[in-house]
Amino acid sequence: MLSRLGELATPEETAALGENELASVPLEPHNSCMPEPHLDAAASGPLFNWTQAIYGLHAFSLLTGILGAATVIGAFLTGWPSLVAVVLNYVKRSDVRGTWLESHFRWQIRTFWFGLLWVTLCLLFVIVTFGIGLLVAWLPLVIVSMWFIYRIVRGWLALRERRPMYGG
């Protein structure tokens, strides 16, 4: 019988239960592609701290864009904290391979490169339309700014809860 009502069952407790009792036991969701975060050595080690620092660098760039004279897009794509963060993502990428932190590195790298792609497309649109496109291009640029903020906040919150970004 479960010793902790309302808590997750251990494998031993689950094995001891009958089929009818087993149906009422709350089970923890498990992603077979990633090791369970609380069992992974990376959950509290130096790689976790690196990932925290990288989110911090991205967040610092976003705050610079929000509070300063720069734009969120400009601060995120050209500010030194985000550029350092992306370089660190690539340098430490092999260290996190196979851990749940790998999904955070992929999330951060994709945020940077897809953001750069969308901003480049907006700028090309403005150039092709001889500047007239600026009347329309501001809207997608605002959306990309909000998307940057969303991605960094969502990723950092998932990291603090020790959850992978995909399928967790």
N, C-alpha and C. Protein backbone atom coordinates (compact mmCIF):
# COMPACT_ATOMS: atom_id res chain seq x y z
N MET A 1 0.85 -1.18 0.00
CA MET A 1 0.00 0.00 0.00
C MET A 1 0.89 1.23 0.00
N LEU A 2 0.42 2.29 -0.63
CA LEU A 2 1.20 3.52 -0.72
C LEU A 2 1.34 4.17 0.64
N SER A 3 2.58 4.51 0.98
CA SER A 3 2.82 5.15 2.27
C SER A 3 2.58 6.65 2.20
N ARG A 4 2.62 7.22 1.04
CA ARG A 4 2.49 8.67 0.88
C ARG A 4 1.31 8.96 -0.05
N LEU A 5 0.14 9.13 0.49
CA LEU A 5 -1.04 9.38 -0.34
C LEU A 5 -0.87 10.68 -1.10
N GLY A 6 -1.22 10.66 -2.36
CA GLY A 6 -1.15 11.85 -3.19
C GLY A 6 0.22 12.10 -3.77
N GLU A 7 1.23 11.33 -3.37
CA GLU A 7 2.56 11.50 -3.91
C GLU A 7 2.81 10.46 -4.99
N LEU A 8 3.89 10.61 -5.69
CA LEU A 8 4.22 9.69 -6.77
C LEU A 8 4.70 8.37 -6.19
N ALA A 9 4.35 7.28 -6.83
CA ALA A 9 4.72 5.95 -6.37
C ALA A 9 6.15 5.63 -6.79
N THR A 10 6.87 4.95 -5.90
CA THR A 10 8.19 4.46 -6.26
C THR A 10 8.01 3.19 -7.08
N PRO A 11 9.03 2.75 -7.82
CA PRO A 11 8.90 1.51 -8.59
C PRO A 11 8.57 0.30 -7.71
N GLU A 12 9.13 0.26 -6.48
CA GLU A 12 8.86 -0.87 -5.59
C GLU A 12 7.40 -0.87 -5.15
N GLU A 13 6.87 0.33 -4.83
CA GLU A 13 5.47 0.42 -4.42
C GLU A 13 4.54 0.06 -5.58
N THR A 14 4.89 0.49 -6.77
CA THR A 14 4.08 0.18 -7.95
C THR A 14 4.04 -1.31 -8.21
N ALA A 15 5.18 -1.98 -8.06
CA ALA A 15 5.26 -3.43 -8.30
C ALA A 15 4.44 -4.21 -7.29
N ALA A 16 4.31 -3.68 -6.06
CA ALA A 16 3.59 -4.39 -5.01
C ALA A 16 2.07 -4.22 -5.11
N LEU A 17 1.60 -3.29 -5.89
CA LEU A 17 0.16 -3.02 -5.99
C LEU A 17 -0.51 -3.98 -6.95
N GLY A 18 -1.77 -4.25 -6.69
CA GLY A 18 -2.58 -5.05 -7.61
C GLY A 18 -3.02 -4.18 -8.77
N GLU A 19 -3.63 -4.81 -9.78
CA GLU A 19 -4.02 -4.09 -10.98
C GLU A 19 -5.04 -3.00 -10.70
N ASN A 20 -6.04 -3.26 -9.82
CA ASN A 20 -7.06 -2.25 -9.51
C ASN A 20 -6.46 -1.07 -8.74
N GLU A 21 -5.56 -1.36 -7.79
CA GLU A 21 -4.94 -0.30 -7.02
C GLU A 21 -4.01 0.55 -7.89
N LEU A 22 -3.37 -0.10 -8.86
CA LEU A 22 -2.41 0.57 -9.72
C LEU A 22 -3.05 1.67 -10.54
N ALA A 23 -4.30 1.50 -10.93
CA ALA A 23 -4.98 2.49 -11.77
C ALA A 23 -5.15 3.82 -11.04
N SER A 24 -5.19 3.81 -9.71
CA SER A 24 -5.41 5.05 -8.97
C SER A 24 -4.13 5.72 -8.49
N VAL A 25 -2.97 5.16 -8.81
CA VAL A 25 -1.70 5.72 -8.37
C VAL A 25 -1.27 6.82 -9.33
N PRO A 26 -0.98 8.03 -8.81
CA PRO A 26 -0.48 9.08 -9.71
C PRO A 26 0.95 8.77 -10.13
N LEU A 27 1.17 8.71 -11.41
CA LEU A 27 2.49 8.40 -11.93
C LEU A 27 3.11 9.64 -12.54
N GLU A 28 4.42 9.73 -12.43
CA GLU A 28 5.14 10.86 -12.99
C GLU A 28 5.26 10.67 -14.49
N PRO A 29 4.99 11.73 -15.29
CA PRO A 29 5.19 11.60 -16.74
C PRO A 29 6.67 11.38 -17.02
N HIS A 30 6.95 10.59 -18.01
CA HIS A 30 8.34 10.28 -18.33
C HIS A 30 8.57 10.43 -19.82
N ASN A 31 9.64 11.05 -20.17
CA ASN A 31 10.03 11.20 -21.56
C ASN A 31 11.14 10.20 -21.81
N SER A 32 10.87 9.21 -22.64
CA SER A 32 11.85 8.15 -22.86
C SER A 32 13.09 8.63 -23.61
N CYS A 33 13.03 9.81 -24.24
CA CYS A 33 14.17 10.33 -24.98
C CYS A 33 15.19 11.01 -24.07
N MET A 34 14.76 11.50 -22.94
CA MET A 34 15.65 12.23 -22.03
C MET A 34 15.67 11.52 -20.68
N PRO A 35 16.84 11.50 -20.03
CA PRO A 35 16.87 10.97 -18.68
C PRO A 35 16.03 11.84 -17.75
N GLU A 36 15.51 11.24 -16.67
CA GLU A 36 14.73 12.03 -15.73
C GLU A 36 15.62 13.08 -15.11
N PRO A 37 15.17 14.35 -15.09
CA PRO A 37 16.03 15.44 -14.63
C PRO A 37 16.59 15.24 -13.23
N HIS A 38 15.76 14.74 -12.29
CA HIS A 38 16.26 14.62 -10.93
C HIS A 38 17.27 13.49 -10.78
N LEU A 39 17.37 12.60 -11.76
CA LEU A 39 18.35 11.52 -11.72
C LEU A 39 19.62 11.85 -12.48
N ASP A 40 19.55 12.88 -13.30
CA ASP A 40 20.67 13.26 -14.15
C ASP A 40 21.69 14.06 -13.35
N ALA A 41 22.96 13.69 -13.46
CA ALA A 41 24.02 14.39 -12.72
C ALA A 41 24.13 15.85 -13.15
N ALA A 42 23.69 16.16 -14.36
CA ALA A 42 23.78 17.54 -14.85
C ALA A 42 22.78 18.46 -14.18
N ALA A 43 21.81 17.90 -13.44
CA ALA A 43 20.75 18.71 -12.86
C ALA A 43 21.25 19.73 -11.86
N SER A 44 22.34 19.48 -11.20
CA SER A 44 22.81 20.45 -10.21
C SER A 44 24.30 20.73 -10.33
N GLY A 45 24.90 20.29 -11.38
CA GLY A 45 26.33 20.45 -11.53
C GLY A 45 26.71 21.71 -12.29
N PRO A 46 27.96 21.77 -12.70
CA PRO A 46 28.47 22.96 -13.39
C PRO A 46 27.77 23.22 -14.72
N LEU A 47 27.31 22.19 -15.41
CA LEU A 47 26.62 22.42 -16.69
C LEU A 47 25.29 23.13 -16.47
N PHE A 48 24.61 22.78 -15.39
CA PHE A 48 23.37 23.48 -15.03
C PHE A 48 23.68 24.95 -14.79
N ASN A 49 24.76 25.23 -14.08
CA ASN A 49 25.16 26.61 -13.80
C ASN A 49 25.54 27.36 -15.07
N TRP A 50 26.21 26.67 -16.01
CA TRP A 50 26.52 27.29 -17.30
C TRP A 50 25.24 27.68 -18.02
N THR A 51 24.27 26.77 -18.02
CA THR A 51 23.01 27.04 -18.71
C THR A 51 22.30 28.22 -18.07
N GLN A 52 22.32 28.30 -16.74
CA GLN A 52 21.74 29.44 -16.04
C GLN A 52 22.43 30.74 -16.47
N ALA A 53 23.75 30.72 -16.52
CA ALA A 53 24.51 31.91 -16.90
C ALA A 53 24.19 32.35 -18.32
N ILE A 54 24.01 31.38 -19.22
CA ILE A 54 23.71 31.71 -20.61
C ILE A 54 22.33 32.36 -20.72
N TYR A 55 21.34 31.81 -19.98
CA TYR A 55 20.02 32.47 -19.96
C TYR A 55 20.15 33.88 -19.37
N GLY A 56 20.99 34.03 -18.37
CA GLY A 56 21.20 35.33 -17.77
C GLY A 56 21.77 36.34 -18.75
N LEU A 57 22.71 35.90 -19.59
CA LEU A 57 23.28 36.79 -20.60
C LEU A 57 22.22 37.22 -21.61
N HIS A 58 21.41 36.26 -22.06
CA HIS A 58 20.33 36.60 -22.99
C HIS A 58 19.34 37.57 -22.33
N ALA A 59 18.98 37.30 -21.08
CA ALA A 59 18.04 38.16 -20.37
C ALA A 59 18.61 39.57 -20.20
N PHE A 60 19.91 39.67 -19.93
CA PHE A 60 20.55 40.98 -19.80
C PHE A 60 20.44 41.76 -21.11
N SER A 61 20.64 41.08 -22.22
CA SER A 61 20.48 41.75 -23.52
C SER A 61 19.05 42.23 -23.72
N LEU A 62 18.08 41.39 -23.36
CA LEU A 62 16.68 41.78 -23.50
C LEU A 62 16.37 43.00 -22.63
N LEU A 63 16.85 42.99 -21.39
CA LEU A 63 16.60 44.13 -20.51
C LEU A 63 17.25 45.40 -21.03
N THR A 64 18.44 45.27 -21.62
CA THR A 64 19.10 46.42 -22.24
C THR A 64 18.22 47.00 -23.33
N GLY A 65 17.61 46.13 -24.13
CA GLY A 65 16.74 46.59 -25.21
C GLY A 65 15.44 47.18 -24.70
N ILE A 66 14.91 46.64 -23.62
CA ILE A 66 13.65 47.13 -23.08
C ILE A 66 13.84 48.45 -22.34
N LEU A 67 14.88 48.54 -21.52
CA LEU A 67 15.07 49.70 -20.66
C LEU A 67 15.94 50.80 -21.26
N GLY A 68 16.75 50.44 -22.24
CA GLY A 68 17.68 51.41 -22.80
C GLY A 68 17.19 52.01 -24.09
N ALA A 69 18.09 52.70 -24.75
CA ALA A 69 17.76 53.34 -26.02
C ALA A 69 17.74 52.34 -27.17
N ALA A 70 18.31 51.17 -26.96
CA ALA A 70 18.35 50.15 -28.01
C ALA A 70 16.99 49.47 -28.13
N THR A 71 16.81 48.73 -29.18
CA THR A 71 15.60 47.93 -29.34
C THR A 71 15.87 46.53 -28.80
N VAL A 72 14.83 45.80 -28.51
CA VAL A 72 14.99 44.42 -28.04
C VAL A 72 15.72 43.61 -29.10
N ILE A 73 15.33 43.78 -30.35
CA ILE A 73 15.96 43.02 -31.43
C ILE A 73 17.43 43.36 -31.55
N GLY A 74 17.74 44.65 -31.56
CA GLY A 74 19.12 45.07 -31.69
C GLY A 74 19.97 44.58 -30.52
N ALA A 75 19.44 44.70 -29.31
CA ALA A 75 20.19 44.27 -28.14
C ALA A 75 20.38 42.76 -28.12
N PHE A 76 19.36 42.02 -28.56
CA PHE A 76 19.46 40.56 -28.52
C PHE A 76 20.40 40.02 -29.60
N LEU A 77 20.33 40.58 -30.78
CA LEU A 77 21.13 40.04 -31.89
C LEU A 77 22.53 40.62 -31.98
N THR A 78 22.74 41.82 -31.46
CA THR A 78 24.07 42.43 -31.60
C THR A 78 24.71 42.80 -30.27
N GLY A 79 23.98 42.68 -29.17
CA GLY A 79 24.56 42.99 -27.87
C GLY A 79 25.57 41.93 -27.45
N TRP A 80 26.64 42.36 -26.79
CA TRP A 80 27.70 41.42 -26.43
C TRP A 80 27.21 40.29 -25.53
N PRO A 81 26.25 40.51 -24.59
CA PRO A 81 25.85 39.37 -23.75
C PRO A 81 25.25 38.22 -24.56
N SER A 82 24.39 38.53 -25.51
CA SER A 82 23.78 37.46 -26.31
C SER A 82 24.79 36.81 -27.25
N LEU A 83 25.69 37.61 -27.80
CA LEU A 83 26.72 37.02 -28.66
C LEU A 83 27.63 36.10 -27.86
N VAL A 84 28.01 36.51 -26.66
CA VAL A 84 28.81 35.65 -25.78
C VAL A 84 28.01 34.39 -25.44
N ALA A 85 26.72 34.56 -25.17
CA ALA A 85 25.88 33.41 -24.81
C ALA A 85 25.82 32.39 -25.95
N VAL A 86 25.67 32.85 -27.18
CA VAL A 86 25.60 31.92 -28.31
C VAL A 86 26.94 31.21 -28.50
N VAL A 87 28.03 31.94 -28.34
CA VAL A 87 29.35 31.30 -28.43
C VAL A 87 29.49 30.25 -27.34
N LEU A 88 29.08 30.57 -26.11
CA LEU A 88 29.13 29.59 -25.02
C LEU A 88 28.25 28.38 -25.31
N ASN A 89 27.08 28.62 -25.92
CA ASN A 89 26.22 27.50 -26.32
C ASN A 89 26.97 26.53 -27.21
N TYR A 90 27.68 27.05 -28.19
CA TYR A 90 28.41 26.18 -29.11
C TYR A 90 29.63 25.54 -28.43
N VAL A 91 30.33 26.27 -27.56
CA VAL A 91 31.51 25.73 -26.89
C VAL A 91 31.14 24.60 -25.94
N LYS A 92 30.06 24.76 -25.18
CA LYS A 92 29.65 23.79 -24.17
C LYS A 92 28.67 22.74 -24.69
N ARG A 93 28.29 22.85 -25.94
CA ARG A 93 27.27 21.96 -26.52
C ARG A 93 27.64 20.48 -26.38
N SER A 94 28.89 20.14 -26.63
CA SER A 94 29.28 18.72 -26.55
C SER A 94 29.24 18.22 -25.11
N ASP A 95 29.43 19.10 -24.14
CA ASP A 95 29.37 18.69 -22.73
C ASP A 95 27.97 18.31 -22.29
N VAL A 96 26.95 18.91 -22.88
CA VAL A 96 25.57 18.63 -22.46
C VAL A 96 24.89 17.59 -23.34
N ARG A 97 25.57 17.14 -24.38
CA ARG A 97 24.98 16.16 -25.30
C ARG A 97 24.54 14.91 -24.52
N GLY A 98 23.30 14.51 -24.73
CA GLY A 98 22.76 13.33 -24.07
C GLY A 98 22.11 13.62 -22.72
N THR A 99 22.15 14.87 -22.26
CA THR A 99 21.48 15.23 -21.02
C THR A 99 20.25 16.07 -21.34
N TRP A 100 19.43 16.30 -20.34
CA TRP A 100 18.25 17.13 -20.55
C TRP A 100 18.62 18.58 -20.80
N LEU A 101 19.83 18.99 -20.44
CA LEU A 101 20.27 20.36 -20.71
C LEU A 101 20.52 20.61 -22.19
N GLU A 102 20.73 19.53 -22.95
CA GLU A 102 20.93 19.68 -24.39
C GLU A 102 19.74 20.39 -25.04
N SER A 103 18.53 20.09 -24.56
CA SER A 103 17.35 20.74 -25.14
C SER A 103 17.36 22.24 -24.89
N HIS A 104 17.92 22.69 -23.76
CA HIS A 104 18.00 24.12 -23.47
C HIS A 104 19.02 24.80 -24.38
N PHE A 105 20.13 24.13 -24.64
CA PHE A 105 21.12 24.70 -25.54
C PHE A 105 20.55 24.82 -26.95
N ARG A 106 19.84 23.79 -27.38
CA ARG A 106 19.21 23.83 -28.71
C ARG A 106 18.17 24.96 -28.75
N TRP A 107 17.40 25.12 -27.69
CA TRP A 107 16.38 26.17 -27.59
C TRP A 107 17.01 27.56 -27.72
N GLN A 108 18.12 27.77 -27.00
CA GLN A 108 18.79 29.07 -27.03
C GLN A 108 19.41 29.36 -28.39
N ILE A 109 20.06 28.37 -28.96
CA ILE A 109 20.70 28.55 -30.27
C ILE A 109 19.65 28.84 -31.34
N ARG A 110 18.56 28.08 -31.32
CA ARG A 110 17.50 28.30 -32.31
C ARG A 110 16.82 29.65 -32.13
N THR A 111 16.68 30.09 -30.88
CA THR A 111 16.09 31.41 -30.64
C THR A 111 16.93 32.48 -31.34
N PHE A 112 18.24 32.41 -31.19
CA PHE A 112 19.11 33.39 -31.80
C PHE A 112 19.04 33.35 -33.32
N TRP A 113 19.23 32.16 -33.91
CA TRP A 113 19.32 32.06 -35.36
C TRP A 113 17.98 32.29 -36.07
N PHE A 114 16.88 31.80 -35.50
CA PHE A 114 15.58 32.06 -36.14
C PHE A 114 15.20 33.53 -36.01
N GLY A 115 15.56 34.14 -34.88
CA GLY A 115 15.32 35.58 -34.74
C GLY A 115 16.10 36.37 -35.77
N LEU A 116 17.37 36.01 -35.95
CA LEU A 116 18.19 36.68 -36.96
C LEU A 116 17.60 36.49 -38.36
N LEU A 117 17.10 35.30 -38.65
CA LEU A 117 16.48 35.03 -39.94
C LEU A 117 15.28 35.96 -40.16
N TRP A 118 14.37 36.06 -39.17
CA TRP A 118 13.17 36.89 -39.34
C TRP A 118 13.51 38.37 -39.46
N VAL A 119 14.49 38.83 -38.70
CA VAL A 119 14.89 40.24 -38.80
C VAL A 119 15.52 40.50 -40.17
N THR A 120 16.34 39.57 -40.65
CA THR A 120 16.95 39.72 -41.98
C THR A 120 15.88 39.78 -43.06
N LEU A 121 14.87 38.92 -42.97
CA LEU A 121 13.79 38.95 -43.96
C LEU A 121 13.03 40.27 -43.92
N CYS A 122 12.80 40.81 -42.73
CA CYS A 122 12.13 42.12 -42.62
C CYS A 122 12.98 43.22 -43.24
N LEU A 123 14.28 43.19 -42.97
CA LEU A 123 15.16 44.22 -43.54
C LEU A 123 15.24 44.09 -45.06
N LEU A 124 15.28 42.87 -45.57
CA LEU A 124 15.27 42.67 -47.03
C LEU A 124 13.98 43.21 -47.65
N PHE A 125 12.88 43.01 -46.97
CA PHE A 125 11.60 43.52 -47.44
C PHE A 125 11.63 45.05 -47.53
N VAL A 126 12.21 45.68 -46.51
CA VAL A 126 12.32 47.15 -46.52
C VAL A 126 13.21 47.61 -47.67
N ILE A 127 14.32 46.92 -47.89
CA ILE A 127 15.24 47.29 -48.97
C ILE A 127 14.59 47.09 -50.33
N VAL A 128 13.94 45.97 -50.54
CA VAL A 128 13.31 45.66 -51.83
C VAL A 128 12.20 46.65 -52.16
N THR A 129 11.52 47.14 -51.14
CA THR A 129 10.42 48.09 -51.38
C THR A 129 10.89 49.54 -51.28
N PHE A 130 12.21 49.74 -51.35
CA PHE A 130 12.80 51.08 -51.32
C PHE A 130 12.34 51.89 -50.11
N GLY A 131 12.26 51.26 -48.98
CA GLY A 131 11.91 51.94 -47.74
C GLY A 131 10.44 52.01 -47.43
N ILE A 132 9.60 51.80 -48.43
CA ILE A 132 8.15 51.86 -48.20
C ILE A 132 7.71 50.71 -47.29
N GLY A 133 8.41 49.60 -47.36
CA GLY A 133 8.09 48.44 -46.52
C GLY A 133 8.26 48.70 -45.04
N LEU A 134 8.94 49.79 -44.69
CA LEU A 134 9.11 50.14 -43.29
C LEU A 134 7.77 50.40 -42.61
N LEU A 135 6.79 50.86 -43.41
CA LEU A 135 5.45 51.10 -42.88
C LEU A 135 4.80 49.81 -42.40
N VAL A 136 5.20 48.69 -43.00
CA VAL A 136 4.62 47.39 -42.66
C VAL A 136 5.57 46.56 -41.80
N ALA A 137 6.88 46.70 -41.99
CA ALA A 137 7.87 45.83 -41.35
C ALA A 137 7.96 46.02 -39.85
N TRP A 138 7.52 47.12 -39.31
CA TRP A 138 7.61 47.32 -37.87
C TRP A 138 6.79 46.30 -37.10
N LEU A 139 5.65 45.86 -37.66
CA LEU A 139 4.80 44.90 -36.95
C LEU A 139 5.50 43.56 -36.75
N PRO A 140 6.07 42.94 -37.82
CA PRO A 140 6.77 41.69 -37.57
C PRO A 140 7.98 41.88 -36.65
N LEU A 141 8.62 43.04 -36.68
CA LEU A 141 9.76 43.28 -35.79
C LEU A 141 9.31 43.34 -34.33
N VAL A 142 8.15 43.91 -34.07
CA VAL A 142 7.60 43.92 -32.71
C VAL A 142 7.26 42.49 -32.29
N ILE A 143 6.71 41.72 -33.21
CA ILE A 143 6.37 40.33 -32.90
C ILE A 143 7.64 39.53 -32.59
N VAL A 144 8.70 39.74 -33.35
CA VAL A 144 9.96 39.05 -33.09
C VAL A 144 10.52 39.46 -31.73
N SER A 145 10.39 40.73 -31.37
CA SER A 145 10.84 41.19 -30.05
C SER A 145 10.09 40.45 -28.94
N MET A 146 8.80 40.36 -29.08
CA MET A 146 7.99 39.65 -28.07
C MET A 146 8.35 38.16 -28.04
N TRP A 147 8.63 37.60 -29.21
CA TRP A 147 9.01 36.20 -29.32
C TRP A 147 10.34 35.95 -28.58
N PHE A 148 11.31 36.86 -28.73
CA PHE A 148 12.58 36.74 -28.00
C PHE A 148 12.32 36.69 -26.49
N ILE A 149 11.51 37.62 -26.01
CA ILE A 149 11.22 37.67 -24.58
C ILE A 149 10.54 36.38 -24.13
N TYR A 150 9.54 35.93 -24.89
CA TYR A 150 8.84 34.69 -24.57
C TYR A 150 9.80 33.50 -24.50
N ARG A 151 10.67 33.38 -25.50
CA ARG A 151 11.57 32.22 -25.56
C ARG A 151 12.54 32.19 -24.38
N ILE A 152 13.09 33.32 -24.02
CA ILE A 152 14.05 33.35 -22.92
C ILE A 152 13.34 33.11 -21.59
N VAL A 153 12.19 33.74 -21.38
CA VAL A 153 11.45 33.54 -20.13
C VAL A 153 11.00 32.08 -20.01
N ARG A 154 10.41 31.54 -21.06
CA ARG A 154 9.92 30.16 -21.01
C ARG A 154 11.07 29.17 -20.77
N GLY A 155 12.18 29.38 -21.47
CA GLY A 155 13.32 28.49 -21.31
C GLY A 155 13.92 28.56 -19.92
N TRP A 156 14.07 29.76 -19.40
CA TRP A 156 14.68 29.92 -18.08
C TRP A 156 13.79 29.33 -16.99
N LEU A 157 12.47 29.52 -17.12
CA LEU A 157 11.54 28.93 -16.14
C LEU A 157 11.61 27.40 -16.18
N ALA A 158 11.67 26.84 -17.37
CA ALA A 158 11.77 25.38 -17.48
C ALA A 158 13.10 24.89 -16.88
N LEU A 159 14.16 25.64 -17.10
CA LEU A 159 15.45 25.26 -16.53
C LEU A 159 15.40 25.28 -15.01
N ARG A 160 14.80 26.31 -14.45
CA ARG A 160 14.72 26.42 -12.99
C ARG A 160 13.88 25.29 -12.39
N GLU A 161 12.92 24.79 -13.17
CA GLU A 161 12.11 23.64 -12.73
C GLU A 161 12.76 22.32 -13.10
N ARG A 162 13.95 22.40 -13.70
CA ARG A 162 14.74 21.25 -14.12
C ARG A 162 13.98 20.35 -15.09
N ARG A 163 13.33 21.01 -16.06
CA ARG A 163 12.60 20.31 -17.12
C ARG A 163 13.27 20.55 -18.45
N PRO A 164 13.32 19.52 -19.33
CA PRO A 164 13.82 19.75 -20.69
C PRO A 164 12.84 20.61 -21.46
N MET A 165 13.30 21.24 -22.53
CA MET A 165 12.45 22.14 -23.31
C MET A 165 11.47 21.38 -24.20
N TYR A 166 11.84 20.23 -24.65
CA TYR A 166 10.98 19.50 -25.59
C TYR A 166 10.51 18.20 -24.95
N GLY A 167 9.21 17.97 -24.97
CA GLY A 167 8.65 16.70 -24.54
C GLY A 167 8.76 16.44 -23.05
N GLY A 168 8.94 17.45 -22.25
CA GLY A 168 9.08 17.22 -20.81
C GLY A 168 7.90 17.71 -20.13
